[in-house]
Amino acid sequence: MNDPAFEPRDRVVVGEVSQGYKRRPDYAQNASGIVECVHGEYFPPDTAESEFLYSVRFDPSELWEDSESNQAVYIDLWESALKPDDMRDVENERLQP
C-alpha cells in the first residue's frame, strides 16, 4: 500500500485527464480547492493500478463565473486528476464554512 500524495488541508488544482476513466467534471478543470479528506485507496474502473480518492472542497467562484459566495462544492477526485497548487497558502486563504 502506498502513501497518499495529498493530506487534508493541502491545496490542489484539478489537471487534465487525457485518457481512461476520469471521474472529473469538465467544469472543475484548472480549479483550485482544498483536500477535505482521503477516502482511501481503490481501483478505478478499467485500471489495474490502485489510486487514492480524495474529497476536494471548492469555492463556487473557482468553478463558475456567476456563483454565490459563502457556499462550498465537494467533488470526489482520483489522485491522477490532482496536482499541488503551490500558488496559494491555505493558512492565509481559507474557504468560508
N, C-alpha and C. Protein backbone atom coordinates (compact mmCIF):
# COMPACT_ATOMS: atom_id res chain seq x y z
N MET A 1 0.85 -1.19 0.00
CA MET A 1 0.00 0.00 0.00
C MET A 1 0.89 1.25 0.00
N ASN A 2 0.54 2.19 -0.86
CA ASN A 2 1.29 3.43 -0.97
C ASN A 2 0.75 4.47 -0.01
N ASP A 3 1.49 5.55 0.15
CA ASP A 3 1.02 6.69 0.92
C ASP A 3 0.33 7.67 -0.02
N PRO A 4 -0.71 8.34 0.46
CA PRO A 4 -1.37 9.33 -0.41
C PRO A 4 -0.45 10.51 -0.69
N ALA A 5 -0.57 11.09 -1.87
CA ALA A 5 0.24 12.25 -2.25
C ALA A 5 -0.23 13.51 -1.55
N PHE A 6 -1.50 13.54 -1.13
CA PHE A 6 -2.07 14.73 -0.51
C PHE A 6 -2.71 14.37 0.82
N GLU A 7 -2.76 15.38 1.69
CA GLU A 7 -3.37 15.23 3.01
C GLU A 7 -4.46 16.27 3.17
N PRO A 8 -5.36 16.08 4.13
CA PRO A 8 -6.36 17.11 4.38
C PRO A 8 -5.69 18.47 4.63
N ARG A 9 -6.30 19.51 4.07
CA ARG A 9 -5.85 20.90 4.14
C ARG A 9 -4.82 21.24 3.06
N ASP A 10 -4.38 20.27 2.25
CA ASP A 10 -3.49 20.58 1.13
C ASP A 10 -4.30 21.28 0.05
N ARG A 11 -3.71 22.31 -0.54
CA ARG A 11 -4.36 22.99 -1.67
C ARG A 11 -3.91 22.28 -2.95
N VAL A 12 -4.89 21.96 -3.79
CA VAL A 12 -4.63 21.24 -5.03
C VAL A 12 -5.33 21.95 -6.19
N VAL A 13 -4.90 21.63 -7.40
CA VAL A 13 -5.54 22.12 -8.60
C VAL A 13 -5.90 20.91 -9.45
N VAL A 14 -7.04 20.98 -10.12
CA VAL A 14 -7.50 19.88 -10.96
C VAL A 14 -6.84 20.00 -12.33
N GLY A 15 -6.13 18.96 -12.72
CA GLY A 15 -5.45 18.95 -14.01
C GLY A 15 -6.30 18.27 -15.07
N GLU A 16 -5.70 18.11 -16.23
CA GLU A 16 -6.37 17.43 -17.33
C GLU A 16 -6.20 15.93 -17.19
N VAL A 17 -7.21 15.20 -17.56
CA VAL A 17 -7.13 13.74 -17.60
C VAL A 17 -7.21 13.35 -19.06
N SER A 18 -6.12 12.81 -19.57
CA SER A 18 -6.03 12.59 -21.01
C SER A 18 -6.66 11.29 -21.49
N GLN A 19 -6.70 10.28 -20.63
CA GLN A 19 -7.23 9.01 -21.09
C GLN A 19 -7.84 8.22 -19.95
N GLY A 20 -8.61 7.20 -20.30
CA GLY A 20 -9.16 6.31 -19.29
C GLY A 20 -10.29 6.92 -18.50
N TYR A 21 -10.60 6.29 -17.40
CA TYR A 21 -11.69 6.71 -16.54
C TYR A 21 -11.30 7.98 -15.82
N LYS A 22 -12.07 9.04 -15.97
CA LYS A 22 -11.65 10.31 -15.42
C LYS A 22 -12.34 10.71 -14.12
N ARG A 23 -13.62 10.42 -13.99
CA ARG A 23 -14.39 10.84 -12.82
C ARG A 23 -14.02 12.27 -12.40
N ARG A 24 -14.04 13.14 -13.37
CA ARG A 24 -13.77 14.54 -13.12
C ARG A 24 -14.70 15.37 -14.00
N PRO A 25 -15.54 16.21 -13.38
CA PRO A 25 -16.40 17.04 -14.22
C PRO A 25 -15.55 18.08 -14.96
N ASP A 26 -15.90 18.32 -16.21
CA ASP A 26 -15.13 19.26 -17.03
C ASP A 26 -15.07 20.65 -16.41
N TYR A 27 -16.14 21.08 -15.73
CA TYR A 27 -16.13 22.42 -15.15
C TYR A 27 -15.11 22.58 -14.03
N ALA A 28 -14.57 21.47 -13.52
CA ALA A 28 -13.58 21.55 -12.44
C ALA A 28 -12.14 21.66 -12.96
N GLN A 29 -11.94 21.46 -14.24
CA GLN A 29 -10.57 21.53 -14.78
C GLN A 29 -9.94 22.88 -14.47
N ASN A 30 -8.72 22.86 -13.96
CA ASN A 30 -7.92 24.03 -13.59
C ASN A 30 -8.44 24.76 -12.35
N ALA A 31 -9.44 24.23 -11.68
CA ALA A 31 -9.95 24.85 -10.46
C ALA A 31 -9.06 24.47 -9.28
N SER A 32 -8.96 25.39 -8.34
CA SER A 32 -8.15 25.17 -7.14
C SER A 32 -9.07 24.91 -5.96
N GLY A 33 -8.73 23.92 -5.14
CA GLY A 33 -9.54 23.58 -3.98
C GLY A 33 -8.67 23.05 -2.85
N ILE A 34 -9.32 22.65 -1.78
CA ILE A 34 -8.63 22.15 -0.60
C ILE A 34 -9.07 20.72 -0.32
N VAL A 35 -8.11 19.83 -0.11
CA VAL A 35 -8.42 18.44 0.23
C VAL A 35 -9.10 18.42 1.59
N GLU A 36 -10.31 17.87 1.63
CA GLU A 36 -11.04 17.73 2.88
C GLU A 36 -10.74 16.40 3.55
N CYS A 37 -10.68 15.32 2.74
CA CYS A 37 -10.38 14.01 3.31
C CYS A 37 -9.85 13.07 2.24
N VAL A 38 -9.19 12.05 2.71
CA VAL A 38 -8.70 10.97 1.84
C VAL A 38 -9.63 9.79 2.09
N HIS A 39 -10.38 9.39 1.06
CA HIS A 39 -11.33 8.29 1.22
C HIS A 39 -10.63 6.95 1.36
N GLY A 40 -9.46 6.81 0.74
CA GLY A 40 -8.73 5.56 0.78
C GLY A 40 -8.18 5.23 -0.59
N GLU A 41 -7.62 4.04 -0.69
CA GLU A 41 -7.01 3.58 -1.93
C GLU A 41 -7.92 2.54 -2.58
N TYR A 42 -8.26 2.79 -3.84
CA TYR A 42 -9.20 1.94 -4.56
C TYR A 42 -8.70 1.69 -5.98
N PHE A 43 -9.40 0.83 -6.69
CA PHE A 43 -9.10 0.56 -8.09
C PHE A 43 -10.13 1.26 -8.96
N PRO A 44 -9.73 2.32 -9.68
CA PRO A 44 -10.69 2.95 -10.59
C PRO A 44 -11.14 1.95 -11.66
N PRO A 45 -12.35 2.13 -12.18
CA PRO A 45 -12.81 1.24 -13.26
C PRO A 45 -11.83 1.24 -14.43
N ASP A 46 -11.66 0.11 -15.04
CA ASP A 46 -10.81 -0.05 -16.23
C ASP A 46 -9.33 0.16 -15.97
N THR A 47 -8.87 0.03 -14.72
CA THR A 47 -7.44 0.14 -14.43
C THR A 47 -7.01 -1.01 -13.55
N ALA A 48 -5.73 -1.34 -13.66
CA ALA A 48 -5.17 -2.43 -12.85
C ALA A 48 -4.39 -1.90 -11.66
N GLU A 49 -4.20 -0.59 -11.60
CA GLU A 49 -3.44 0.01 -10.51
C GLU A 49 -4.36 0.77 -9.56
N SER A 50 -4.06 0.66 -8.27
CA SER A 50 -4.86 1.38 -7.29
C SER A 50 -4.48 2.86 -7.26
N GLU A 51 -5.43 3.65 -6.77
CA GLU A 51 -5.24 5.09 -6.69
C GLU A 51 -6.00 5.62 -5.48
N PHE A 52 -5.51 6.70 -4.91
CA PHE A 52 -6.22 7.31 -3.79
C PHE A 52 -7.35 8.18 -4.31
N LEU A 53 -8.43 8.20 -3.54
CA LEU A 53 -9.60 9.01 -3.87
C LEU A 53 -9.75 10.06 -2.78
N TYR A 54 -9.92 11.32 -3.20
CA TYR A 54 -9.99 12.46 -2.28
C TYR A 54 -11.31 13.19 -2.42
N SER A 55 -11.75 13.78 -1.33
CA SER A 55 -12.86 14.72 -1.37
C SER A 55 -12.21 16.10 -1.34
N VAL A 56 -12.49 16.90 -2.38
CA VAL A 56 -11.88 18.23 -2.50
C VAL A 56 -12.98 19.28 -2.42
N ARG A 57 -12.74 20.29 -1.60
CA ARG A 57 -13.69 21.38 -1.38
C ARG A 57 -13.32 22.57 -2.25
N PHE A 58 -14.31 23.08 -3.00
CA PHE A 58 -14.10 24.22 -3.88
C PHE A 58 -15.01 25.37 -3.50
N ASP A 59 -14.49 26.58 -3.60
CA ASP A 59 -15.33 27.75 -3.56
C ASP A 59 -16.03 27.79 -4.92
N PRO A 60 -17.34 28.02 -4.96
CA PRO A 60 -18.04 28.02 -6.26
C PRO A 60 -17.44 28.98 -7.29
N SER A 61 -16.82 30.06 -6.85
CA SER A 61 -16.22 31.01 -7.80
C SER A 61 -15.05 30.40 -8.55
N GLU A 62 -14.49 29.31 -8.04
CA GLU A 62 -13.43 28.60 -8.75
C GLU A 62 -14.01 27.78 -9.91
N LEU A 63 -15.30 27.49 -9.84
CA LEU A 63 -15.94 26.61 -10.82
C LEU A 63 -16.82 27.35 -11.83
N TRP A 64 -17.49 28.40 -11.37
CA TRP A 64 -18.43 29.12 -12.22
C TRP A 64 -18.28 30.62 -12.03
N GLU A 65 -18.45 31.37 -13.09
CA GLU A 65 -18.34 32.83 -13.02
C GLU A 65 -19.45 33.44 -12.16
N ASP A 66 -20.68 33.05 -12.40
CA ASP A 66 -21.83 33.60 -11.68
C ASP A 66 -22.20 32.67 -10.53
N SER A 67 -21.51 32.83 -9.41
CA SER A 67 -21.78 31.95 -8.27
C SER A 67 -21.93 32.77 -7.00
N GLU A 68 -22.63 32.20 -6.05
CA GLU A 68 -22.82 32.87 -4.77
C GLU A 68 -21.67 32.52 -3.83
N SER A 69 -21.31 33.47 -2.99
CA SER A 69 -20.24 33.20 -2.03
C SER A 69 -20.82 32.52 -0.79
N ASN A 70 -19.95 32.17 0.12
CA ASN A 70 -20.33 31.50 1.38
C ASN A 70 -20.98 30.14 1.16
N GLN A 71 -20.59 29.48 0.09
CA GLN A 71 -21.03 28.13 -0.17
C GLN A 71 -19.80 27.30 -0.51
N ALA A 72 -19.97 26.01 -0.60
CA ALA A 72 -18.86 25.13 -0.97
C ALA A 72 -19.39 24.01 -1.85
N VAL A 73 -18.54 23.53 -2.73
CA VAL A 73 -18.84 22.40 -3.60
C VAL A 73 -17.80 21.33 -3.32
N TYR A 74 -18.23 20.11 -3.08
CA TYR A 74 -17.33 19.00 -2.81
C TYR A 74 -17.35 18.05 -4.00
N ILE A 75 -16.16 17.68 -4.47
CA ILE A 75 -16.04 16.74 -5.59
C ILE A 75 -15.05 15.66 -5.19
N ASP A 76 -15.42 14.40 -5.41
CA ASP A 76 -14.50 13.29 -5.18
C ASP A 76 -13.66 13.11 -6.44
N LEU A 77 -12.33 13.13 -6.26
CA LEU A 77 -11.41 13.08 -7.39
C LEU A 77 -10.28 12.08 -7.15
N TRP A 78 -9.89 11.39 -8.21
CA TRP A 78 -8.76 10.47 -8.14
C TRP A 78 -7.46 11.26 -8.09
N GLU A 79 -6.46 10.67 -7.47
CA GLU A 79 -5.16 11.33 -7.32
C GLU A 79 -4.56 11.76 -8.66
N SER A 80 -4.76 10.96 -9.71
CA SER A 80 -4.18 11.29 -11.01
C SER A 80 -4.79 12.57 -11.61
N ALA A 81 -5.93 13.02 -11.09
CA ALA A 81 -6.56 14.24 -11.60
C ALA A 81 -6.09 15.48 -10.85
N LEU A 82 -5.27 15.30 -9.82
CA LEU A 82 -4.86 16.42 -8.97
C LEU A 82 -3.36 16.68 -9.04
N LYS A 83 -3.01 17.93 -8.82
CA LYS A 83 -1.60 18.30 -8.67
C LYS A 83 -1.52 19.38 -7.59
N PRO A 84 -0.35 19.53 -6.97
CA PRO A 84 -0.24 20.54 -5.91
C PRO A 84 -0.46 21.94 -6.47
N ASP A 85 -1.10 22.77 -5.68
CA ASP A 85 -1.28 24.18 -6.05
C ASP A 85 -0.38 24.99 -5.13
N ASP A 86 0.81 25.27 -5.59
CA ASP A 86 1.80 25.99 -4.79
C ASP A 86 1.62 27.50 -4.86
N MET A 87 0.63 27.96 -5.62
CA MET A 87 0.44 29.39 -5.81
C MET A 87 -0.30 30.05 -4.65
N ARG A 88 -0.95 29.27 -3.81
CA ARG A 88 -1.74 29.83 -2.72
C ARG A 88 -1.38 29.18 -1.40
N ASP A 89 -1.55 29.91 -0.34
CA ASP A 89 -1.24 29.44 1.00
C ASP A 89 -2.54 29.20 1.76
N VAL A 90 -2.78 27.96 2.16
CA VAL A 90 -4.02 27.61 2.85
C VAL A 90 -4.15 28.35 4.18
N GLU A 91 -3.05 28.59 4.84
CA GLU A 91 -3.11 29.27 6.13
C GLU A 91 -3.63 30.69 6.00
N ASN A 92 -3.36 31.35 4.88
CA ASN A 92 -3.77 32.72 4.69
C ASN A 92 -5.05 32.88 3.89
N GLU A 93 -5.51 31.82 3.28
CA GLU A 93 -6.73 31.90 2.47
C GLU A 93 -7.61 30.70 2.77
N ARG A 94 -8.56 30.87 3.62
CA ARG A 94 -9.46 29.78 4.00
C ARG A 94 -10.80 29.95 3.32
N LEU A 95 -11.39 28.83 2.96
CA LEU A 95 -12.75 28.87 2.43
C LEU A 95 -13.70 29.03 3.60
N GLN A 96 -14.71 29.83 3.42
CA GLN A 96 -15.69 30.05 4.48
C GLN A 96 -16.59 28.83 4.62
N PRO A 97 -16.91 28.42 5.86
CA PRO A 97 -17.79 27.25 6.05
C PRO A 97 -19.19 27.52 5.59
